[in-house]
């Protein structure tokens, strides 16, 4: 879902109506990726 939101923001020259911006969305995706790496290394 986040990827679709970021794609929509990028297709709309970075303008958003009700969002914290593209940087925040990328940061959330990076946080999920790091969390996944940590969880997979624990198993």
N, C-alpha and C. Protein backbone atom coordinates (compact mmCIF):
# COMPACT_ATOMS: atom_id res chain seq x y z
N UNK A 1 0.82 -1.20 0.00
CA UNK A 1 0.00 0.00 0.00
C UNK A 1 0.87 1.26 0.00
N UNK A 2 1.94 1.24 0.79
CA UNK A 2 2.83 2.40 0.83
C UNK A 2 3.48 2.64 -0.53
N UNK A 3 3.83 1.56 -1.22
CA UNK A 3 4.44 1.72 -2.54
C UNK A 3 3.49 2.40 -3.50
N UNK A 4 2.23 2.04 -3.45
CA UNK A 4 1.24 2.67 -4.32
C UNK A 4 1.08 4.15 -3.96
N UNK A 5 1.12 4.48 -2.68
CA UNK A 5 1.00 5.87 -2.24
C UNK A 5 2.20 6.68 -2.73
N UNK A 6 3.41 6.12 -2.59
CA UNK A 6 4.61 6.82 -3.05
C UNK A 6 4.57 7.01 -4.56
N UNK A 7 4.14 6.00 -5.27
CA UNK A 7 4.04 6.10 -6.73
C UNK A 7 3.07 7.22 -7.12
N UNK A 8 1.97 7.32 -6.39
CA UNK A 8 1.01 8.39 -6.66
C UNK A 8 1.60 9.77 -6.40
N UNK A 9 2.38 9.90 -5.33
CA UNK A 9 3.01 11.18 -5.01
C UNK A 9 4.03 11.54 -6.09
N UNK A 10 4.82 10.54 -6.51
CA UNK A 10 5.83 10.81 -7.54
C UNK A 10 5.19 11.18 -8.87
N UNK A 11 4.05 10.59 -9.19
CA UNK A 11 3.35 10.92 -10.44
C UNK A 11 2.70 12.29 -10.39
N UNK A 12 2.54 12.84 -9.20
CA UNK A 12 1.92 14.14 -9.02
C UNK A 12 2.96 15.16 -8.58
N UNK A 13 4.06 15.33 -9.31
CA UNK A 13 5.24 16.13 -8.98
C UNK A 13 5.51 16.44 -7.50
N UNK A 14 5.35 15.43 -6.64
CA UNK A 14 5.68 15.59 -5.23
C UNK A 14 4.65 16.34 -4.41
N UNK A 15 3.56 16.75 -5.02
CA UNK A 15 2.53 17.50 -4.29
C UNK A 15 1.57 16.53 -3.63
N UNK A 16 1.21 16.81 -2.39
CA UNK A 16 0.25 15.99 -1.67
C UNK A 16 -0.83 16.88 -1.09
N UNK A 17 -1.99 16.30 -0.88
CA UNK A 17 -3.09 17.08 -0.29
C UNK A 17 -3.22 16.81 1.21
N UNK A 18 -3.11 15.53 1.60
CA UNK A 18 -3.27 15.18 3.01
C UNK A 18 -2.23 14.14 3.41
N UNK A 19 -0.96 14.46 3.25
CA UNK A 19 0.08 13.50 3.55
C UNK A 19 1.26 14.21 4.19
N UNK A 20 2.09 13.42 4.86
CA UNK A 20 3.29 13.99 5.46
C UNK A 20 4.43 14.12 4.46
N UNK A 21 4.22 13.69 3.24
CA UNK A 21 5.22 13.85 2.20
C UNK A 21 5.89 12.56 1.81
N UNK A 22 6.64 12.64 0.74
CA UNK A 22 7.25 11.43 0.19
C UNK A 22 8.40 10.93 1.06
N UNK A 23 9.13 11.83 1.68
CA UNK A 23 10.25 11.43 2.54
C UNK A 23 9.81 10.57 3.70
N UNK A 24 8.71 10.94 4.31
CA UNK A 24 8.19 10.17 5.44
C UNK A 24 7.74 8.79 4.99
N UNK A 25 7.16 8.70 3.81
CA UNK A 25 6.72 7.40 3.30
C UNK A 25 7.92 6.49 3.03
N UNK A 26 9.00 7.05 2.45
CA UNK A 26 10.21 6.26 2.24
C UNK A 26 10.80 5.81 3.57
N UNK A 27 10.78 6.68 4.57
CA UNK A 27 11.32 6.33 5.88
C UNK A 27 10.54 5.19 6.52
N UNK A 28 9.23 5.18 6.38
CA UNK A 28 8.40 4.09 6.92
C UNK A 28 8.77 2.78 6.23
N UNK A 29 8.96 2.80 4.91
CA UNK A 29 9.31 1.58 4.20
C UNK A 29 10.69 1.07 4.62
N UNK A 30 11.62 1.98 4.85
CA UNK A 30 12.96 1.57 5.32
C UNK A 30 12.86 0.96 6.71
N UNK A 31 12.05 1.55 7.58
CA UNK A 31 11.86 1.01 8.92
C UNK A 31 11.28 -0.41 8.87
N UNK A 32 10.29 -0.64 8.00
CA UNK A 32 9.73 -1.98 7.86
C UNK A 32 10.78 -2.97 7.36
N UNK A 33 11.61 -2.54 6.42
CA UNK A 33 12.64 -3.43 5.88
C UNK A 33 13.66 -3.80 6.95
N UNK A 34 14.08 -2.83 7.74
CA UNK A 34 15.05 -3.10 8.82
C UNK A 34 14.43 -4.03 9.86
N UNK A 35 13.19 -3.79 10.23
CA UNK A 35 12.49 -4.63 11.18
C UNK A 35 12.42 -6.06 10.66
N UNK A 36 12.10 -6.23 9.39
CA UNK A 36 12.03 -7.56 8.79
C UNK A 36 13.39 -8.26 8.83
N UNK A 37 14.46 -7.53 8.55
CA UNK A 37 15.81 -8.12 8.59
C UNK A 37 16.16 -8.56 10.00
N UNK A 38 15.81 -7.76 10.98
CA UNK A 38 16.09 -8.11 12.38
C UNK A 38 15.31 -9.36 12.78
N UNK A 39 14.02 -9.40 12.44
CA UNK A 39 13.19 -10.54 12.80
C UNK A 39 13.67 -11.82 12.10
N UNK A 40 14.09 -11.72 10.85
CA UNK A 40 14.53 -12.91 10.12
C UNK A 40 15.88 -13.40 10.62
N UNK A 41 16.71 -12.51 11.15
CA UNK A 41 18.01 -12.95 11.68
C UNK A 41 17.87 -13.60 13.06
N UNK A 42 16.76 -13.36 13.76
CA UNK A 42 16.52 -13.97 15.05
C UNK A 42 16.11 -15.44 14.94
N UNK A 43 15.55 -15.80 13.81
CA UNK A 43 15.02 -17.16 13.67
C UNK A 43 16.08 -18.15 13.27
